[in-house]
């Protein structure tokens, strides 16, 4: 009996305790980001949508530079907008140095120009870009910027919609999406993987999604996903956005809007009019949230 007890104590000392220490160490191990060119510490997208179809979209990003490649990637920022239906303002672009100093990029140095696609395809003549050459950016710095788009002319008066995909290709420690709508406005939304927190703030209803992407995909995973996307694309199949949000409540409602749009252009024959509400292929690509 005494020998058995001694054997048990030796087992605990030699195997169980080191094993517990190893498991504890593995649990507390932080991911190694030393080889990453940059790390997105936080990204936030916030929408405030109104009943008339207008709204404001804000984006804030904070990125830590880990190497010269990261500095080169973020040294020139390019933001696009449609000049015919929205305006875009850059609130700030600033660099936080390791010693605590802050270097701000002068907003008057921002260049506003027509997008390259507008020179090749006149159909996109309202596509504009703002180019920002970031001042003082170096390795170990933290870049922070905030942009605001303001809708001045809704594509469809009285309606709004939005689609969003979370980051999967970059290291993102904190990613948030927030959509604020009038509390009494009926909306349809889908987000199978990430569920939102829904709150009410006065006359507004606020949907907030939170996610992160702390690990980069392996080469094998990237190859499989690329092969799958190519296989689906050849067959005209594309993955739906991870977040879908729309004020349209049904395909019939979309069909009535599309039919009225066509009637404004040219009065169709009764045979064509009868087929307009059932044109699901086009509608499902534009407003997948209604499915």
Protein backbone atom coordinates (compact mmCIF):
# COMPACT_ATOMS: atom_id res chain seq x y z
CA UNK A 1 0.00 0.00 0.00
CA UNK A 2 2.79 2.36 0.95
CA UNK A 3 4.69 1.52 -2.25
CA UNK A 4 1.60 2.25 -4.34
CA UNK A 5 1.13 5.62 -2.68
CA UNK A 6 4.77 6.52 -3.29
CA UNK A 7 4.47 5.53 -6.95
CA UNK A 8 1.37 7.73 -7.34
CA UNK A 9 3.15 10.72 -5.81
CA UNK A 10 6.14 10.23 -8.13
CA UNK A 11 3.78 10.08 -11.13
CA UNK A 12 2.14 13.35 -10.14
CA UNK A 13 5.48 15.07 -9.69
CA UNK A 14 7.05 13.76 -12.91
CA UNK A 15 4.15 13.87 -15.36
CA UNK A 16 0.99 15.58 -14.20
CA UNK A 17 2.48 18.84 -12.92
CA UNK A 18 4.71 19.51 -15.98
CA UNK A 19 1.79 18.63 -18.25
CA UNK A 20 -0.47 21.13 -16.47
CA UNK A 21 2.22 23.79 -16.75
CA UNK A 22 2.58 23.11 -20.47
CA UNK A 23 -1.17 23.35 -21.06
CA UNK A 24 -1.28 26.63 -19.16
CA UNK A 25 1.60 28.01 -21.21
CA UNK A 26 -0.11 27.02 -24.47
CA UNK A 27 -3.33 28.69 -23.39
CA UNK A 28 -1.57 31.97 -22.63
CA UNK A 29 0.55 31.99 -25.79
CA UNK A 30 -0.18 34.99 -27.99
CA UNK A 31 -0.09 34.76 -31.80
CA UNK A 32 3.24 35.67 -33.36
CA UNK A 33 2.71 38.67 -35.67
CA UNK A 34 6.41 39.50 -36.08
CA UNK A 35 6.42 38.45 -39.74
CA UNK A 36 3.31 40.44 -40.67
CA UNK A 37 3.87 43.55 -42.82
CA UNK A 38 1.10 45.33 -40.92
CA UNK A 39 -1.64 44.63 -38.39
CA UNK A 40 -5.07 46.25 -38.46
CA UNK A 41 -5.67 46.93 -34.79
CA UNK A 42 -9.16 48.33 -35.27
CA UNK A 43 -11.55 49.04 -38.13
CA UNK A 44 -15.00 50.50 -37.67
CA UNK A 45 -17.77 51.21 -40.19
CA UNK A 46 -20.80 53.17 -39.05
CA UNK A 47 -23.92 53.96 -41.09
CA UNK A 48 -26.74 56.32 -40.18
CA UNK A 49 -29.58 55.76 -42.67
CA UNK A 50 -32.70 57.88 -43.08
CA UNK A 51 -36.22 57.16 -44.34
CA UNK A 52 -35.76 59.22 -47.51
CA UNK A 53 -32.88 57.00 -48.64
CA UNK A 54 -30.03 59.36 -47.73
CA UNK A 55 -27.46 58.65 -45.06
CA UNK A 56 -23.95 58.99 -43.71
CA UNK A 57 -21.24 56.33 -43.71
CA UNK A 58 -18.13 56.71 -41.55
CA UNK A 59 -15.03 54.53 -41.62
CA UNK A 60 -12.20 54.58 -39.08
CA UNK A 61 -9.07 52.45 -39.41
CA UNK A 62 -6.00 52.05 -37.17
CA UNK A 63 -3.05 50.07 -38.56
CA UNK A 64 0.34 49.24 -37.04
CA UNK A 65 3.30 49.19 -39.44
CA UNK A 66 5.53 46.13 -38.97
CA UNK A 67 7.89 46.44 -41.95
CA UNK A 68 8.84 48.54 -44.96
CA UNK A 69 6.33 46.55 -47.01
CA UNK A 70 3.55 47.73 -44.73
CA UNK A 71 4.72 51.33 -44.98
CA UNK A 72 4.78 51.08 -48.77
CA UNK A 73 1.30 49.56 -48.82
CA UNK A 74 -0.23 52.34 -46.69
CA UNK A 75 1.98 55.23 -47.83
CA UNK A 76 -0.63 56.34 -50.38
CA UNK A 77 -4.30 56.06 -49.44
CA UNK A 78 -6.98 56.13 -52.14
CA UNK A 79 -10.69 56.58 -51.36
CA UNK A 80 -13.44 56.55 -53.99
CA UNK A 81 -16.89 58.14 -54.16
CA UNK A 82 -19.63 58.94 -56.68
CA UNK A 83 -19.71 62.70 -57.22
CA UNK A 84 -23.25 62.66 -58.65
CA UNK A 85 -24.89 61.21 -55.54
CA UNK A 86 -22.54 61.71 -52.57
CA UNK A 87 -19.78 63.77 -51.04
CA UNK A 88 -16.73 62.52 -49.17
CA UNK A 89 -14.73 64.22 -46.45
CA UNK A 90 -11.51 63.03 -44.85
CA UNK A 91 -11.66 63.97 -41.17
CA UNK A 92 -8.03 63.19 -40.40
CA UNK A 93 -4.98 61.15 -41.41
CA UNK A 94 -2.35 60.97 -38.68
CA UNK A 95 0.66 58.92 -37.66
CA UNK A 96 1.39 57.99 -34.05
CA UNK A 97 5.13 57.59 -33.39
CA UNK A 98 6.57 55.18 -30.79
CA UNK A 99 7.73 58.17 -28.69
CA UNK A 100 4.17 59.51 -28.46
CA UNK A 101 4.41 62.29 -31.04
CA UNK A 102 1.72 62.64 -33.71
CA UNK A 103 2.33 63.63 -37.33
CA UNK A 104 -0.82 64.85 -39.11
CA UNK A 105 -1.13 64.86 -42.89
CA UNK A 106 -2.32 68.33 -44.04
CA UNK A 107 -5.81 67.99 -45.49
CA UNK A 108 -5.07 70.66 -48.10
CA UNK A 109 -2.54 68.28 -49.69
CA UNK A 110 -5.29 65.79 -50.61
CA UNK A 111 -5.82 65.40 -54.36
CA UNK A 112 -9.32 64.93 -55.79
CA UNK A 113 -9.38 63.46 -59.29
CA UNK A 114 -11.46 61.39 -61.67
CA UNK A 115 -11.02 57.66 -61.23
CA UNK A 116 -8.98 55.75 -63.82
CA UNK A 117 -12.05 53.78 -64.89
CA UNK A 118 -13.85 57.01 -65.85
CA UNK A 119 -11.18 57.70 -68.48
CA UNK A 120 -11.68 54.27 -69.99
CA UNK A 121 -15.46 53.99 -69.62
CA UNK A 122 -17.48 57.24 -69.85
CA UNK A 123 -20.38 55.46 -68.13
CA UNK A 124 -18.44 55.88 -64.85
CA UNK A 125 -17.66 59.58 -65.32
CA UNK A 126 -18.97 60.41 -61.84
CA UNK A 127 -16.50 58.04 -60.15
CA UNK A 128 -13.95 60.15 -58.27
CA UNK A 129 -11.01 59.41 -55.99
CA UNK A 130 -9.19 61.26 -53.25
CA UNK A 131 -5.47 60.50 -52.97
CA UNK A 132 -3.67 61.03 -49.68
CA UNK A 133 0.13 60.83 -49.43
CA UNK A 134 0.62 59.94 -45.74
CA UNK A 135 3.17 62.19 -44.07
CA UNK A 136 5.89 60.78 -41.80
CA UNK A 137 4.89 57.10 -41.93
CA UNK A 138 7.57 54.60 -40.86
CA UNK A 139 8.11 51.15 -39.38
CA UNK A 140 6.60 50.69 -35.87
CA UNK A 141 4.26 53.66 -36.41
CA UNK A 142 0.49 53.47 -36.04
CA UNK A 143 -1.54 54.98 -38.88
CA UNK A 144 -5.02 56.22 -38.08
CA UNK A 145 -7.57 57.79 -40.41
CA UNK A 146 -11.28 58.52 -40.62
CA UNK A 147 -13.46 59.17 -43.69
CA UNK A 148 -17.09 60.22 -44.06
CA UNK A 149 -19.38 59.73 -47.06
CA UNK A 150 -22.64 61.68 -47.16
CA UNK A 151 -25.43 60.59 -49.52
CA UNK A 152 -27.02 63.60 -51.20
CA UNK A 153 -29.16 61.86 -53.80
CA UNK A 154 -30.54 58.37 -53.02
CA UNK A 155 -30.49 55.87 -55.86
CA UNK A 156 -34.08 54.96 -54.95
CA UNK A 157 -35.94 57.63 -52.97
CA UNK A 158 -37.41 56.20 -49.79
CA UNK A 159 -35.28 53.01 -49.84
CA UNK A 160 -31.83 52.03 -48.60
CA UNK A 161 -29.74 48.85 -48.54
CA UNK A 162 -26.21 47.78 -47.68
CA UNK A 163 -23.94 44.74 -48.04
CA UNK A 164 -20.77 44.01 -46.08
CA UNK A 165 -18.06 41.36 -45.82
CA UNK A 166 -15.74 40.97 -42.86
CA UNK A 167 -11.98 40.83 -43.38
CA UNK A 168 -10.50 37.38 -43.99
CA UNK A 169 -7.23 38.11 -45.80
CA UNK A 170 -5.55 40.47 -43.29
CA UNK A 171 -4.87 40.27 -39.57
CA UNK A 172 -7.66 42.29 -37.94
CA UNK A 173 -7.85 42.38 -34.15
CA UNK A 174 -11.10 44.32 -33.85
CA UNK A 175 -13.68 44.87 -36.61
CA UNK A 176 -17.04 46.51 -36.05
CA UNK A 177 -20.02 47.35 -38.23
CA UNK A 178 -22.86 49.53 -36.96
CA UNK A 179 -26.05 50.42 -38.82
CA UNK A 180 -28.49 52.93 -37.34
CA UNK A 181 -32.00 53.25 -38.82
CA UNK A 182 -35.25 54.95 -37.79
CA UNK A 183 -36.77 52.76 -35.08
CA UNK A 184 -40.17 52.47 -36.78
CA UNK A 185 -38.75 51.59 -40.21
CA UNK A 186 -39.23 47.97 -41.27
CA UNK A 187 -35.98 46.40 -42.48
CA UNK A 188 -34.86 42.93 -43.51
CA UNK A 189 -31.38 41.68 -42.72
CA UNK A 190 -29.26 38.55 -42.90
CA UNK A 191 -25.95 37.65 -41.27
CA UNK A 192 -25.78 33.88 -40.75
CA UNK A 193 -22.26 33.72 -39.29
CA UNK A 194 -22.02 36.84 -37.10
CA UNK A 195 -25.12 37.91 -35.18
CA UNK A 196 -25.65 41.60 -34.34
CA UNK A 197 -26.46 43.18 -31.02
CA UNK A 198 -29.67 45.19 -31.48
CA UNK A 199 -30.40 48.19 -29.26
CA UNK A 200 -32.74 51.17 -29.30
CA UNK A 201 -31.48 54.70 -28.77
CA UNK A 202 -34.33 57.20 -28.73
CA UNK A 203 -35.95 57.22 -32.16
CA UNK A 204 -33.24 54.98 -33.65
CA UNK A 205 -32.64 51.22 -33.82
CA UNK A 206 -28.95 50.29 -33.89
CA UNK A 207 -27.48 47.02 -35.21
CA UNK A 208 -23.88 46.31 -34.17
CA UNK A 209 -21.70 43.47 -35.48
CA UNK A 210 -18.29 42.63 -33.98
CA UNK A 211 -15.68 40.28 -35.44
CA UNK A 212 -11.95 39.67 -35.72
CA UNK A 213 -9.49 37.76 -37.90
CA UNK A 214 -6.51 36.99 -35.62
CA UNK A 215 -4.95 34.28 -37.79
CA UNK A 216 -3.87 34.23 -41.41
CA UNK A 217 -5.02 31.38 -43.64
CA UNK A 218 -2.57 28.67 -44.59
CA UNK A 219 -1.40 28.35 -48.18
CA UNK A 220 -3.47 25.18 -48.53
CA UNK A 221 -6.62 26.94 -47.31
CA UNK A 222 -6.10 29.87 -49.69
CA UNK A 223 -5.59 27.52 -52.65
CA UNK A 224 -8.76 25.58 -51.84
CA UNK A 225 -10.84 28.74 -51.45
CA UNK A 226 -9.46 30.23 -54.67
CA UNK A 227 -10.25 27.02 -56.54
CA UNK A 228 -13.77 26.96 -55.10
CA UNK A 229 -14.43 30.61 -56.03
CA UNK A 230 -13.22 30.06 -59.58
CA UNK A 231 -15.36 26.93 -59.91
CA UNK A 232 -18.47 28.82 -58.72
CA UNK A 233 -17.71 31.94 -60.80
CA UNK A 234 -17.56 29.95 -64.03
CA UNK A 235 -21.10 28.79 -63.27
CA UNK A 236 -22.31 32.29 -62.46
CA UNK A 237 -22.56 31.58 -58.74
CA UNK A 238 -21.16 34.08 -56.25
CA UNK A 239 -21.17 33.88 -52.46
CA UNK A 240 -23.67 36.24 -50.80
CA UNK A 241 -22.37 39.07 -48.59
CA UNK A 242 -21.90 38.17 -44.95
CA UNK A 243 -24.19 41.04 -43.89
CA UNK A 244 -27.21 41.99 -46.00
CA UNK A 245 -29.50 44.85 -45.07
CA UNK A 246 -32.49 46.23 -47.00
CA UNK A 247 -35.76 48.15 -46.64
CA UNK A 248 -37.31 46.13 -49.46
CA UNK A 249 -39.62 43.56 -47.90
CA UNK A 250 -40.36 41.23 -50.82
CA UNK A 251 -39.58 40.41 -54.44
CA UNK A 252 -43.00 41.75 -55.39
CA UNK A 253 -42.07 45.15 -53.96
CA UNK A 254 -38.82 45.16 -55.92
CA UNK A 255 -40.69 44.05 -59.02
CA UNK A 256 -43.14 46.95 -58.74
CA UNK A 257 -40.29 49.43 -58.40
CA UNK A 258 -38.41 47.94 -61.34
CA UNK A 259 -41.57 47.87 -63.44
CA UNK A 260 -42.25 51.56 -62.76
CA UNK A 261 -38.64 52.36 -63.66
CA UNK A 262 -39.01 50.61 -66.99
CA UNK A 263 -42.31 52.37 -67.67
CA UNK A 264 -40.63 55.73 -67.19
CA UNK A 265 -38.13 54.83 -69.91
CA UNK A 266 -40.43 53.14 -72.39
CA UNK A 267 -43.94 51.76 -72.11
CA UNK A 268 -43.59 47.96 -72.43
CA UNK A 269 -46.06 45.61 -74.01
CA UNK A 270 -48.50 43.75 -71.71
CA UNK A 271 -46.47 40.56 -72.24
CA UNK A 272 -43.26 42.24 -71.03
CA UNK A 273 -45.01 43.96 -68.11
CA UNK A 274 -46.29 40.62 -66.88
CA UNK A 275 -42.73 39.26 -66.64
CA UNK A 276 -41.13 42.19 -64.81
CA UNK A 277 -42.00 41.22 -61.20
CA UNK A 278 -40.57 37.73 -61.68
CA UNK A 279 -37.10 38.79 -62.86
CA UNK A 280 -35.49 37.22 -59.80
CA UNK A 281 -32.01 36.72 -61.21
CA UNK A 282 -31.35 40.45 -61.51
CA UNK A 283 -33.05 41.31 -58.23
CA UNK A 284 -31.26 38.65 -56.18
CA UNK A 285 -27.89 40.06 -57.17
CA UNK A 286 -28.85 43.60 -56.16
CA UNK A 287 -30.92 42.92 -53.03
CA UNK A 288 -30.03 39.42 -51.75
CA UNK A 289 -31.41 40.28 -48.29
CA UNK A 290 -34.95 39.89 -49.58
CA UNK A 291 -34.50 36.21 -50.33
